[in-house]
């Protein structure tokens, strides 16, 4: 049946559209007979044109499968690259968060010890140190740096103001004794 329909010549535009369907129909019909041997033990031989057509179809199918495999491999490779990039980004974020946490702990420790300085305080301290170095380099004696010149504290009783004459001293002495009694 199919072979008879294939032998009829349709019109030119319809022929092009019908050919792939006709070829597929012919190959479906012929394939079962070619794979099974006949009752006499000999297999039917396909016509050369039909065998060539089957080879072409197999080649096309093989190329499409290869193309699909290459596309799948490329997609897998791209996904692997994206996964690695995401992993690297996550590691960077974790390292950044850890560094930030350590810095916060360091600041808290300094605050507890009373040694924490703000950025403005650090800059001011640095400016003052630079000025001090410049002054020392210029030969100016800066107070507070020479520990050897400090006066030692005296623990003796200090005399209360100088008395002008001995009569006032006696009077204040007796007056002082009267207050004690």
N, C-alpha and C. Protein backbone atom coordinates (compact mmCIF):
# COMPACT_ATOMS: atom_id res chain seq x y z
N UNK A 1 0.81 -1.19 0.00
CA UNK A 1 0.00 0.00 0.00
C UNK A 1 0.85 1.26 0.00
N UNK A 2 1.77 1.30 0.95
CA UNK A 2 2.63 2.47 1.04
C UNK A 2 3.51 2.62 -0.19
N UNK A 3 3.94 1.53 -0.72
CA UNK A 3 4.81 1.58 -1.90
C UNK A 3 4.06 2.11 -3.11
N UNK A 4 2.81 1.78 -3.20
CA UNK A 4 2.02 2.27 -4.32
C UNK A 4 1.83 3.77 -4.20
N UNK A 5 1.62 4.27 -2.99
CA UNK A 5 1.42 5.70 -2.81
C UNK A 5 2.72 6.44 -3.09
N UNK A 6 3.83 5.80 -2.82
CA UNK A 6 5.11 6.44 -3.05
C UNK A 6 5.41 6.55 -4.53
N UNK A 7 4.90 5.66 -5.33
CA UNK A 7 5.18 5.68 -6.76
C UNK A 7 4.39 6.74 -7.49
N UNK A 8 3.27 7.18 -6.93
CA UNK A 8 2.47 8.22 -7.57
C UNK A 8 3.21 9.53 -7.47
N UNK A 9 3.14 10.33 -8.50
CA UNK A 9 3.83 11.62 -8.51
C UNK A 9 2.84 12.71 -8.15
N UNK A 10 3.01 13.31 -6.97
CA UNK A 10 2.13 14.43 -6.64
C UNK A 10 2.65 15.71 -7.30
N UNK A 11 1.90 16.81 -7.10
CA UNK A 11 2.30 18.09 -7.68
C UNK A 11 3.61 18.55 -7.04
N UNK A 12 4.28 19.49 -7.64
CA UNK A 12 5.63 19.92 -7.23
C UNK A 12 5.70 20.41 -5.79
N UNK A 13 4.88 21.41 -5.32
CA UNK A 13 5.00 21.85 -3.93
C UNK A 13 4.60 20.76 -2.95
N UNK A 14 3.63 20.00 -3.27
CA UNK A 14 3.19 18.95 -2.36
C UNK A 14 4.21 17.82 -2.32
N UNK A 15 4.96 17.65 -3.37
CA UNK A 15 5.95 16.58 -3.44
C UNK A 15 7.04 16.80 -2.40
N UNK A 16 7.49 18.03 -2.25
CA UNK A 16 8.55 18.33 -1.28
C UNK A 16 8.07 18.05 0.14
N UNK A 17 6.86 18.40 0.46
CA UNK A 17 6.33 18.19 1.80
C UNK A 17 6.03 16.71 2.03
N UNK A 18 5.65 16.00 1.00
CA UNK A 18 5.27 14.61 1.15
C UNK A 18 6.49 13.70 1.20
N UNK A 19 7.60 14.11 0.63
CA UNK A 19 8.78 13.26 0.57
C UNK A 19 9.28 12.83 1.95
N UNK A 20 9.46 13.75 2.93
CA UNK A 20 9.93 13.28 4.23
C UNK A 20 8.95 12.31 4.88
N UNK A 21 7.68 12.55 4.74
CA UNK A 21 6.69 11.65 5.32
C UNK A 21 6.75 10.30 4.61
N UNK A 22 6.90 10.32 3.27
CA UNK A 22 6.96 9.10 2.48
C UNK A 22 8.20 8.30 2.86
N UNK A 23 9.33 8.99 3.03
CA UNK A 23 10.58 8.31 3.37
C UNK A 23 10.45 7.67 4.74
N UNK A 24 9.89 8.39 5.69
CA UNK A 24 9.71 7.84 7.03
C UNK A 24 8.79 6.63 7.00
N UNK A 25 7.73 6.69 6.18
CA UNK A 25 6.79 5.58 6.09
C UNK A 25 7.48 4.38 5.47
N UNK A 26 8.28 4.60 4.45
CA UNK A 26 8.97 3.50 3.79
C UNK A 26 9.97 2.84 4.74
N UNK A 27 10.67 3.65 5.51
CA UNK A 27 11.67 3.07 6.40
C UNK A 27 11.00 2.29 7.51
N UNK A 28 9.85 2.72 7.95
CA UNK A 28 9.15 1.99 9.01
C UNK A 28 8.66 0.65 8.49
N UNK A 29 8.23 0.62 7.27
CA UNK A 29 7.72 -0.61 6.70
C UNK A 29 8.88 -1.57 6.43
N UNK A 30 9.97 -1.04 5.93
CA UNK A 30 11.08 -1.88 5.51
C UNK A 30 11.94 -2.37 6.67
N UNK A 31 12.03 -1.63 7.74
CA UNK A 31 12.91 -2.00 8.84
C UNK A 31 12.57 -3.34 9.46
N UNK A 32 11.32 -3.62 9.77
CA UNK A 32 11.04 -4.92 10.38
C UNK A 32 11.42 -6.09 9.46
N UNK A 33 11.22 -5.93 8.18
CA UNK A 33 11.53 -7.03 7.27
C UNK A 33 13.03 -7.20 7.11
N UNK A 34 13.79 -6.12 7.22
CA UNK A 34 15.23 -6.24 7.02
C UNK A 34 15.91 -6.88 8.23
N UNK A 35 15.36 -6.69 9.42
CA UNK A 35 15.97 -7.26 10.60
C UNK A 35 15.59 -8.73 10.81
N UNK A 36 14.46 -9.16 10.24
CA UNK A 36 14.04 -10.56 10.38
C UNK A 36 14.37 -11.34 9.09
N UNK A 37 14.99 -12.45 9.25
CA UNK A 37 15.27 -13.24 8.05
C UNK A 37 13.99 -13.90 7.50
N UNK A 38 13.99 -14.15 6.23
CA UNK A 38 12.83 -14.77 5.59
C UNK A 38 12.78 -16.26 5.94
N UNK A 39 11.73 -16.91 5.52
CA UNK A 39 11.54 -18.31 5.86
C UNK A 39 12.63 -19.19 5.26
N UNK A 40 13.20 -18.76 4.16
CA UNK A 40 14.24 -19.53 3.51
C UNK A 40 15.58 -19.36 4.19
N UNK A 41 15.71 -18.49 5.18
CA UNK A 41 16.97 -18.29 5.87
C UNK A 41 17.76 -17.12 5.31
N UNK A 42 17.32 -16.57 4.20
CA UNK A 42 18.02 -15.43 3.62
C UNK A 42 17.24 -14.16 3.93
N UNK A 43 17.95 -13.03 4.28
CA UNK A 43 17.30 -11.77 4.58
C UNK A 43 17.03 -11.00 3.31
N UNK A 44 16.00 -10.18 3.33
CA UNK A 44 15.70 -9.36 2.16
C UNK A 44 16.72 -8.25 2.09
N UNK A 45 17.15 -7.95 0.93
CA UNK A 45 18.12 -6.89 0.73
C UNK A 45 17.37 -5.62 0.37
N UNK A 46 17.74 -4.51 1.06
CA UNK A 46 17.09 -3.24 0.78
C UNK A 46 17.65 -2.66 -0.50
N UNK A 47 16.84 -1.89 -1.19
CA UNK A 47 17.36 -1.22 -2.38
C UNK A 47 18.47 -0.25 -1.98
N UNK A 48 19.37 0.02 -2.86
CA UNK A 48 20.53 0.87 -2.57
C UNK A 48 20.10 2.28 -2.19
N UNK A 49 19.12 2.82 -2.84
CA UNK A 49 18.66 4.18 -2.54
C UNK A 49 18.06 4.23 -1.13
N UNK A 50 17.31 3.19 -0.78
CA UNK A 50 16.70 3.14 0.54
C UNK A 50 17.76 2.97 1.62
N UNK A 51 18.76 2.15 1.37
CA UNK A 51 19.84 1.95 2.33
C UNK A 51 20.61 3.26 2.54
N UNK A 52 20.85 3.95 1.43
CA UNK A 52 21.55 5.25 1.52
C UNK A 52 20.73 6.25 2.32
N UNK A 53 19.43 6.24 2.10
CA UNK A 53 18.53 7.14 2.82
C UNK A 53 18.55 6.83 4.31
N UNK A 54 18.54 5.55 4.66
CA UNK A 54 18.60 5.16 6.07
C UNK A 54 19.92 5.59 6.69
N UNK A 55 21.00 5.46 5.98
CA UNK A 55 22.30 5.90 6.48
C UNK A 55 22.31 7.40 6.72
N UNK A 56 21.72 8.12 5.81
CA UNK A 56 21.65 9.58 5.98
C UNK A 56 20.83 9.95 7.21
N UNK A 57 19.71 9.26 7.38
CA UNK A 57 18.87 9.53 8.55
C UNK A 57 19.61 9.17 9.84
N UNK A 58 20.32 8.07 9.83
CA UNK A 58 21.10 7.69 11.01
C UNK A 58 22.19 8.72 11.29
N UNK A 59 22.81 9.21 10.24
CA UNK A 59 23.86 10.23 10.40
C UNK A 59 23.26 11.52 10.97
N UNK A 60 22.11 11.90 10.47
CA UNK A 60 21.43 13.11 10.98
C UNK A 60 21.07 12.91 12.45
N UNK A 61 20.54 11.73 12.77
CA UNK A 61 20.17 11.43 14.15
C UNK A 61 21.40 11.46 15.06
N UNK A 62 22.50 10.86 14.57
CA UNK A 62 23.73 10.84 15.35
C UNK A 62 24.26 12.26 15.57
N UNK A 63 24.21 13.09 14.55
CA UNK A 63 24.66 14.50 14.67
C UNK A 63 23.80 15.26 15.68
N UNK A 64 22.48 15.04 15.61
CA UNK A 64 21.58 15.72 16.55
C UNK A 64 21.86 15.28 17.99
N UNK A 65 22.10 13.99 18.17
CA UNK A 65 22.42 13.49 19.51
C UNK A 65 23.74 14.08 20.00
N UNK A 66 24.72 14.16 19.11
CA UNK A 66 26.03 14.75 19.46
C UNK A 66 25.85 16.23 19.82
N UNK A 67 25.06 16.92 19.02
CA UNK A 67 24.80 18.34 19.29
C UNK A 67 24.10 18.52 20.64
N UNK A 68 23.11 17.67 20.93
CA UNK A 68 22.40 17.74 22.21
C UNK A 68 23.36 17.43 23.36
N UNK A 69 24.26 16.44 23.15
CA UNK A 69 25.24 16.10 24.19
C UNK A 69 26.18 17.28 24.44
N UNK A 70 26.65 17.91 23.36
CA UNK A 70 27.56 19.06 23.52
C UNK A 70 26.86 20.23 24.23
N UNK A 71 25.61 20.45 23.90
CA UNK A 71 24.85 21.52 24.55
C UNK A 71 24.69 21.21 26.04
N UNK A 72 24.39 19.95 26.35
CA UNK A 72 24.22 19.55 27.76
C UNK A 72 25.55 19.69 28.50
N UNK A 73 26.66 19.31 27.87
CA UNK A 73 27.97 19.45 28.51
C UNK A 73 28.31 20.92 28.75
N UNK A 74 28.03 21.77 27.77
CA UNK A 74 28.31 23.21 27.91
C UNK A 74 27.46 23.81 29.03
N UNK A 75 26.21 23.39 29.09
CA UNK A 75 25.32 23.87 30.14
C UNK A 75 25.83 23.44 31.52
N UNK A 76 26.28 22.18 31.61
CA UNK A 76 26.81 21.68 32.88
C UNK A 76 28.09 22.44 33.26
N UNK A 77 28.94 22.72 32.27
CA UNK A 77 30.18 23.45 32.52
C UNK A 77 29.89 24.86 33.02
N UNK A 78 28.93 25.53 32.40
CA UNK A 78 28.55 26.88 32.82
C UNK A 78 27.98 26.86 34.23
N UNK A 79 27.13 25.88 34.53
CA UNK A 79 26.56 25.77 35.87
C UNK A 79 27.65 25.53 36.92
N UNK A 80 28.66 24.73 36.56
CA UNK A 80 29.78 24.47 37.48
C UNK A 80 30.57 25.76 37.73
N UNK A 81 30.81 26.53 36.67
CA UNK A 81 31.52 27.80 36.83
C UNK A 81 30.73 28.74 37.73
N UNK A 82 29.43 28.84 37.49
CA UNK A 82 28.58 29.71 38.31
C UNK A 82 28.55 29.25 39.76
N UNK A 83 28.52 27.92 39.98
CA UNK A 83 28.53 27.39 41.33
C UNK A 83 29.84 27.74 42.04
N UNK A 84 30.96 27.61 41.32
CA UNK A 84 32.25 27.96 41.90
C UNK A 84 32.33 29.44 42.24
N UNK A 85 31.84 30.27 41.33
CA UNK A 85 31.85 31.72 41.59
C UNK A 85 30.99 32.06 42.81
N UNK A 86 29.83 31.42 42.92
CA UNK A 86 28.96 31.67 44.07
C UNK A 86 29.64 31.21 45.36
N UNK A 87 30.32 30.08 45.30
CA UNK A 87 31.04 29.57 46.48
C UNK A 87 32.16 30.53 46.88
N UNK A 88 32.90 31.02 45.89
CA UNK A 88 33.99 31.97 46.16
C UNK A 88 33.43 33.26 46.77
N UNK A 89 32.32 33.73 46.23
CA UNK A 89 31.68 34.95 46.76
C UNK A 89 31.23 34.73 48.20
N UNK A 90 30.67 33.55 48.48
CA UNK A 90 30.22 33.24 49.84
C UNK A 90 31.41 33.21 50.80
N UNK A 91 32.53 32.62 50.36
CA UNK A 91 33.73 32.57 51.22
C UNK A 91 34.25 33.98 51.49
N UNK A 92 34.23 34.83 50.47
CA UNK A 92 34.69 36.22 50.66
C UNK A 92 33.80 36.94 51.66
N UNK A 93 32.50 36.73 51.55
CA UNK A 93 31.56 37.38 52.47
C UNK A 93 31.79 36.89 53.90
N UNK A 94 32.02 35.59 54.05
CA UNK A 94 32.27 35.05 55.39
C UNK A 94 33.56 35.62 55.98
N UNK A 95 34.61 35.73 55.15
CA UNK A 95 35.88 36.28 55.63
C UNK A 95 35.70 37.75 56.02
N UNK A 96 34.92 38.47 55.23
CA UNK A 96 34.67 39.89 55.52
C UNK A 96 33.89 40.03 56.83
N UNK A 97 32.88 39.18 57.02
CA UNK A 97 32.09 39.23 58.25
C UNK A 97 32.94 38.86 59.46
N UNK A 98 33.82 37.88 59.31
CA UNK A 98 34.69 37.47 60.40
C UNK A 98 35.66 38.60 60.78
N UNK A 99 36.21 39.25 59.76
CA UNK A 99 37.13 40.37 60.00
C UNK A 99 36.41 41.51 60.72
N UNK A 100 35.20 41.78 60.29
CA UNK A 100 34.41 42.84 60.91
C UNK A 100 34.09 42.51 62.37
N UNK A 101 33.77 41.24 62.63
CA UNK A 101 33.47 40.80 63.99
C UNK A 101 34.70 40.94 64.88
N UNK A 102 35.88 40.55 64.38
CA UNK A 102 37.11 40.68 65.16
C UNK A 102 37.40 42.14 65.47
N UNK A 103 37.17 43.01 64.50
CA UNK A 103 37.40 44.45 64.71
C UNK A 103 36.46 44.98 65.79
N UNK A 104 35.21 44.55 65.77
CA UNK A 104 34.26 44.98 66.80
C UNK A 104 34.69 44.51 68.18
N UNK A 105 35.15 43.25 68.25
CA UNK A 105 35.62 42.73 69.54
C UNK A 105 36.84 43.50 70.03
N UNK A 106 37.73 43.87 69.14
CA UNK A 106 38.93 44.63 69.50
C UNK A 106 38.53 46.00 70.05
N UNK A 107 37.58 46.64 69.40
CA UNK A 107 37.11 47.95 69.85
C UNK A 107 36.45 47.84 71.22
N UNK A 108 35.63 46.81 71.41
CA UNK A 108 34.98 46.61 72.71
C UNK A 108 36.01 46.39 73.80
N UNK A 109 37.06 45.62 73.51
CA UNK A 109 38.13 45.39 74.49
C UNK A 109 38.82 46.70 74.83
N UNK A 110 39.12 47.51 73.82
CA UNK A 110 39.76 48.80 74.06
C UNK A 110 38.86 49.71 74.88
N UNK A 111 37.57 49.68 74.63
CA UNK A 111 36.64 50.51 75.39
C UNK A 111 36.62 50.08 76.85
N UNK A 112 36.65 48.77 77.08
CA UNK A 112 36.67 48.27 78.46
C UNK A 112 37.96 48.71 79.17
N UNK A 113 39.07 48.71 78.44
CA UNK A 113 40.36 49.10 79.03
C UNK A 113 40.53 50.62 79.09
N UNK A 114 39.68 51.32 78.36
CA UNK A 114 39.77 52.78 78.36
C UNK A 114 40.82 53.31 77.40
N UNK A 115 41.25 52.52 76.45
CA UNK A 115 42.28 52.96 75.51
C UNK A 115 41.73 53.22 74.12
N UNK A 116 40.43 53.12 73.92
CA UNK A 116 39.84 53.31 72.59
C UNK A 116 39.86 54.79 72.22
N UNK A 117 40.31 55.08 71.02
CA UNK A 117 40.32 56.44 70.50
C UNK A 117 39.53 56.47 69.20
N UNK A 118 38.74 57.52 69.03
CA UNK A 118 38.02 57.68 67.78
C UNK A 118 39.00 58.12 66.71
N UNK A 119 38.53 58.17 65.49
CA UNK A 119 39.41 58.57 64.38
C UNK A 119 39.91 59.99 64.61
N UNK A 120 39.04 60.90 65.03
CA UNK A 120 39.44 62.29 65.28
C UNK A 120 40.46 62.38 66.41
N UNK A 121 40.26 61.56 67.46
CA UNK A 121 41.20 61.57 68.58
C UNK A 121 42.57 61.04 68.15
N UNK A 122 42.58 59.98 67.33
CA UNK A 122 43.85 59.45 66.85
C UNK A 122 44.59 60.47 66.00
N UNK A 123 43.85 61.18 65.11
CA UNK A 123 44.48 62.20 64.27
C UNK A 123 45.05 63.33 65.11
N UNK A 124 44.30 63.75 66.12
CA UNK A 124 44.78 64.83 67.00
C UNK A 124 46.03 64.39 67.75
N UNK A 125 46.04 63.17 68.24
CA UNK A 125 47.20 62.64 68.96
C UNK A 125 48.42 62.60 68.03
N UNK A 126 48.21 62.18 66.81
CA UNK A 126 49.30 62.12 65.84
C UNK A 126 49.84 63.52 65.54
N UNK A 127 48.94 64.49 65.38
CA UNK A 127 49.39 65.88 65.13
C UNK A 127 50.20 66.40 66.32
N UNK A 128 49.71 66.13 67.54
CA UNK A 128 50.43 66.60 68.73
C UNK A 128 51.82 65.96 68.82
N UNK A 129 51.92 64.69 68.50
CA UNK A 129 53.22 64.02 68.54
C UNK A 129 54.17 64.62 67.51
N UNK A 130 53.64 64.94 66.33
CA UNK A 130 54.48 65.55 65.29
C UNK A 130 54.98 66.93 65.74
N UNK A 131 54.09 67.71 66.34
CA UNK A 131 54.48 69.03 66.84
C UNK A 131 55.55 68.91 67.91
N UNK A 132 55.38 67.95 68.82
CA UNK A 132 56.34 67.73 69.90
C UNK A 132 57.71 67.36 69.32
N UNK A 133 57.73 66.48 68.33
CA UNK A 133 59.00 66.10 67.71
C UNK A 133 59.67 67.30 67.04
N UNK A 134 58.87 68.12 66.39
CA UNK A 134 59.43 69.31 65.75
C UNK A 134 60.01 70.27 66.79
N UNK A 135 59.31 70.42 67.90
CA UNK A 135 59.80 71.33 68.95
C UNK A 135 61.10 70.81 69.55
N UNK A 136 61.17 69.50 69.80
CA UNK A 136 62.40 68.92 70.36
C UNK A 136 63.53 69.06 69.37
N UNK A 137 63.25 68.87 68.09
CA UNK A 137 64.27 69.00 67.06
C UNK A 137 64.76 70.44 66.97
N UNK A 138 63.90 71.39 67.25
CA UNK A 138 64.27 72.81 67.20
C UNK A 138 65.05 73.22 68.44
N UNK A 139 65.11 72.37 69.45
CA UNK A 139 65.88 72.67 70.64
C UNK A 139 65.07 73.27 71.76
N UNK A 140 63.76 73.28 71.65
CA UNK A 140 62.92 73.84 72.70
C UNK A 140 62.80 72.81 73.81
N UNK A 141 62.96 73.28 75.06
CA UNK A 141 62.77 72.38 76.19
C UNK A 141 61.29 72.29 76.49
N UNK A 142 60.79 71.08 76.49
CA UNK A 142 59.37 70.87 76.70
C UNK A 142 59.18 70.35 78.11
N UNK A 143 58.33 71.00 78.89
CA UNK A 143 58.08 70.60 80.27
C UNK A 143 57.31 69.29 80.30
N UNK A 144 57.54 68.51 81.33
CA UNK A 144 56.82 67.26 81.49
C UNK A 144 57.57 66.07 80.92
N UNK A 145 58.57 66.31 80.12
CA UNK A 145 59.32 65.20 79.56
C UNK A 145 60.54 64.84 80.40
N UNK A 146 61.12 65.84 81.08
CA UNK A 146 62.31 65.61 81.88
C UNK A 146 61.90 65.16 83.27
N UNK A 147 62.02 63.91 83.57
CA UNK A 147 61.60 63.36 84.86
C UNK A 147 62.60 63.71 85.96
N UNK A 148 63.86 63.94 85.64
CA UNK A 148 64.89 64.23 86.63
C UNK A 148 64.75 65.62 87.22
N UNK A 149 64.13 66.55 86.58
CA UNK A 149 64.02 67.92 87.06
C UNK A 149 62.78 68.16 87.91
N UNK A 150 61.98 67.17 88.12
CA UNK A 150 60.76 67.36 88.92
C UNK A 150 61.14 67.60 90.38
N UNK A 151 60.37 68.44 91.01
CA UNK A 151 60.57 68.69 92.44
C UNK A 151 59.96 67.54 93.21
N UNK A 152 60.67 67.16 94.26
CA UNK A 152 60.12 66.11 95.11
C UNK A 152 59.17 66.76 96.10
N UNK A 153 58.09 66.11 96.42
CA UNK A 153 57.15 66.70 97.37
C UNK A 153 57.75 66.68 98.78
N UNK A 154 57.45 67.74 99.54
CA UNK A 154 57.89 67.81 100.93
C UNK A 154 56.72 67.46 101.82
N UNK A 155 56.98 66.63 102.79
CA UNK A 155 55.92 66.19 103.67
C UNK A 155 55.99 66.89 105.03
N UNK A 156 56.83 67.93 105.16
CA UNK A 156 56.90 68.69 106.40
C UNK A 156 55.71 69.61 106.50
N UNK A 157 55.47 70.07 107.74
CA UNK A 157 54.40 71.02 107.92
C UNK A 157 54.84 72.36 107.35
N UNK A 158 53.98 72.94 106.60
CA UNK A 158 54.31 74.22 106.01
C UNK A 158 54.06 75.30 107.04
N UNK A 159 54.90 76.30 107.01
CA UNK A 159 54.70 77.45 107.91
C UNK A 159 53.60 78.30 107.33
N UNK A 160 52.74 78.74 108.20
CA UNK A 160 51.68 79.60 107.74
C UNK A 160 52.25 80.99 107.56
N UNK A 161 52.10 81.60 106.59
CA UNK A 161 52.55 82.95 106.27
C UNK A 161 53.57 83.56 107.22
N UNK A 162 54.38 84.40 106.77
CA UNK A 162 55.41 85.05 107.60
C UNK A 162 54.79 86.06 108.56
N UNK A 163 55.26 86.07 109.82
CA UNK A 163 54.73 87.00 110.80
C UNK A 163 55.61 88.25 110.80
N UNK A 164 54.97 89.33 110.95
CA UNK A 164 55.70 90.59 110.82
C UNK A 164 56.44 90.98 112.11
N UNK A 165 55.81 90.82 113.22
CA UNK A 165 56.53 91.18 114.45
C UNK A 165 56.23 90.17 115.54
N UNK A 166 57.09 90.07 116.55
CA UNK A 166 56.92 89.05 117.58
C UNK A 166 55.69 89.29 118.45
N UNK A 167 55.21 90.49 118.60
CA UNK A 167 54.03 90.73 119.43
C UNK A 167 52.80 90.09 118.82
N UNK A 168 52.70 90.18 117.53
CA UNK A 168 51.56 89.57 116.87
C UNK A 168 51.65 88.05 116.97
N UNK A 169 52.86 87.54 116.95
CA UNK A 169 53.04 86.11 117.07
C UNK A 169 52.57 85.64 118.43
N UNK A 170 52.90 86.37 119.52
CA UNK A 170 52.46 86.00 120.86
C UNK A 170 50.95 86.08 120.94
N UNK A 171 50.39 87.10 120.37
CA UNK A 171 48.95 87.29 120.45
C UNK A 171 48.22 86.17 119.72
N UNK A 172 48.67 85.84 118.58
CA UNK A 172 48.01 84.79 117.82
C UNK A 172 48.23 83.44 118.47
N UNK A 173 49.40 83.29 119.14
CA UNK A 173 49.69 82.05 119.82
C UNK A 173 48.75 81.85 121.00
N UNK A 174 48.56 82.90 121.80
CA UNK A 174 47.67 82.81 122.94
C UNK A 174 46.22 82.68 122.46
N UNK A 175 45.90 83.35 121.43
CA UNK A 175 44.55 83.28 120.88
C UNK A 175 44.26 81.87 120.39
N UNK A 176 45.27 81.25 119.82
CA UNK A 176 45.13 79.92 119.31
C UNK A 176 44.95 78.91 120.45
N UNK A 177 45.68 79.12 121.55
CA UNK A 177 45.55 78.25 122.70
C UNK A 177 44.18 78.40 123.35
N UNK A 178 43.65 79.59 123.36
CA UNK A 178 42.35 79.83 123.96
C UNK A 178 41.26 79.09 123.18
N UNK A 179 41.42 79.00 121.91
CA UNK A 179 40.42 78.31 121.07
C UNK A 179 40.46 76.81 121.35
N UNK A 180 41.61 76.31 121.70
CA UNK A 180 41.73 74.88 121.92
C UNK A 180 41.07 74.47 123.24
N UNK A 181 41.04 75.34 124.21
CA UNK A 181 40.51 75.01 125.53
C UNK A 181 39.04 75.09 125.48
